[in-house]
Structure formats: C-alpha cells, structure tokens
Amino acid sequence: MLVSFRSALLMIAALTATVIAPAQAGPSAEPVLPVAASALPGVAIPQLIDPKGQPTLSQPNAEDSQSQADTDEIPPAVKPTGDLVSMVSQLRGSDAGSDELKCLATGIYFESKSEPLAGQLAVGQVIANRTQSGGRFPGTYCGVLFQRGQFSFVHGHSLPSVSHSNKQWQTAVAIAKIVDEGLQSSVAGDALFFHARYVSPGWHLKRVASIGNHVFFR
C-alpha cells in the first residue's frame, strides 16, 4: 500500500515537471519577424522642416515677387506740356539737378538772360548742338563752355557764381531742361554759332535765324 502511494506521488511529480519546464534558449521553430517588417504608422513631415530637422523658409512665388517689384517702382516724372511759356513755368526751379545741366543753364543765363524765351532756347540749342557735332566741339555741356575763346563770361577753369534765388536763373534752369530733353524745337535749328547784333565778326557762315538781340549761324 505504501509502495503504491509512493509510486503515485512519483508519477504526479513527473507529470508536473513536464508541464512547467522552462522554455529552451535555442532558436525557436517559428521565424522571428524583423522590426522593419512590422506595419508601423507613417509620420507626416511638415513642409517647413527639412530632413535634418531645420526650419526652412518657403520661397516666394515669382509672380508675387514681380508684382511687389512693380509696386515698389517709382512712377516716371510727368513731362511738361503746352507751349514754351507753359513748360518754363512748370520746370522753373533753383536746382538744375546735375553738373551738366548746371553748365547748360549757366551758359543760357550769362549769354541770354535778358532775351525772350525763344532767344534763350536758341542759345541753349547752340550749346547742345555743339555737343553733337561729331568731334568738332567737346561732347559735354561743360566742355563746350570751357573750350578756349568761345564764351566771354568764362574765365579760367571755373564758372561765375549765380544766386539760385534769382528768377532769371530759375528760368535758365527750365530752359536747360527743355533743351536737354528735346521738349521744344528752336527756330535756330542746327545753328552752331551766334553773336549779338551790335557786333560784326565778318563770319562767312550760313545765317539761320535772328531772335531778340542775337543772330544765329550754321
């Protein structure tokens, strides 16, 4: 009886050991799937972050940039209209705007400030014509004035000063701008020379026009 009871205990112990035995350390019969093969949820990367995680700035649209550039452009100055008197009234000012226009205005002022507007325009036109004479005269307004022996009011290498508050100076500035921009034609046309009526230099040149106190020649 005791032997049978011991045999029963041994059988129970054997069955229990079979059920709770630890798992083997060796490879399993079923393959293990790699982590990469598992189905992982995707993460959307915002457009303003580059692959390195640094913030990036969106590039402006080309059309928007052009539109902004057009908006920032300074509108062109409105050109004066009307006859010579109206243009002079619209352009009269103390500042010629550049050294070249200052030279042109100075020539007009000292040679014809007391002449009618048409006469001042003609004097300015002569100076401008000389700059375009193909090398016969200097190619700039200042160069024309400083050419030796051409204008009696020029002495040395500087121009005489003029008060810019002077109304006649402001008129000369307006005439200089009109001549420089070709806003009004002159009856002096392509004249390259002029002299006062009270002198007679004996030039053998073609007479082009006579305006106020000046005679113009080509």
Foldseek 3Di string as FASTA:
>chain_A
DVVVVVVVVVVVVVVVCVVPPDDDPDDDPDDDDDPVPDDDDDDDDDPQADPVRDGHDDDDDPVVVVVVVVVPDDDDDDQFDDDPVRLLVVQFALDLPDPLLLLLLLQLLVPPLPFPLLVSLLSSLLLCLQLVVPPPFNNTSLRNVPDPPADPQDDDNDHDDDPSVDRSSSSSSSSSVCNVVVVDDHQLHNFNDKDFPVDCPPDPFAWRDDGGRMTTTD
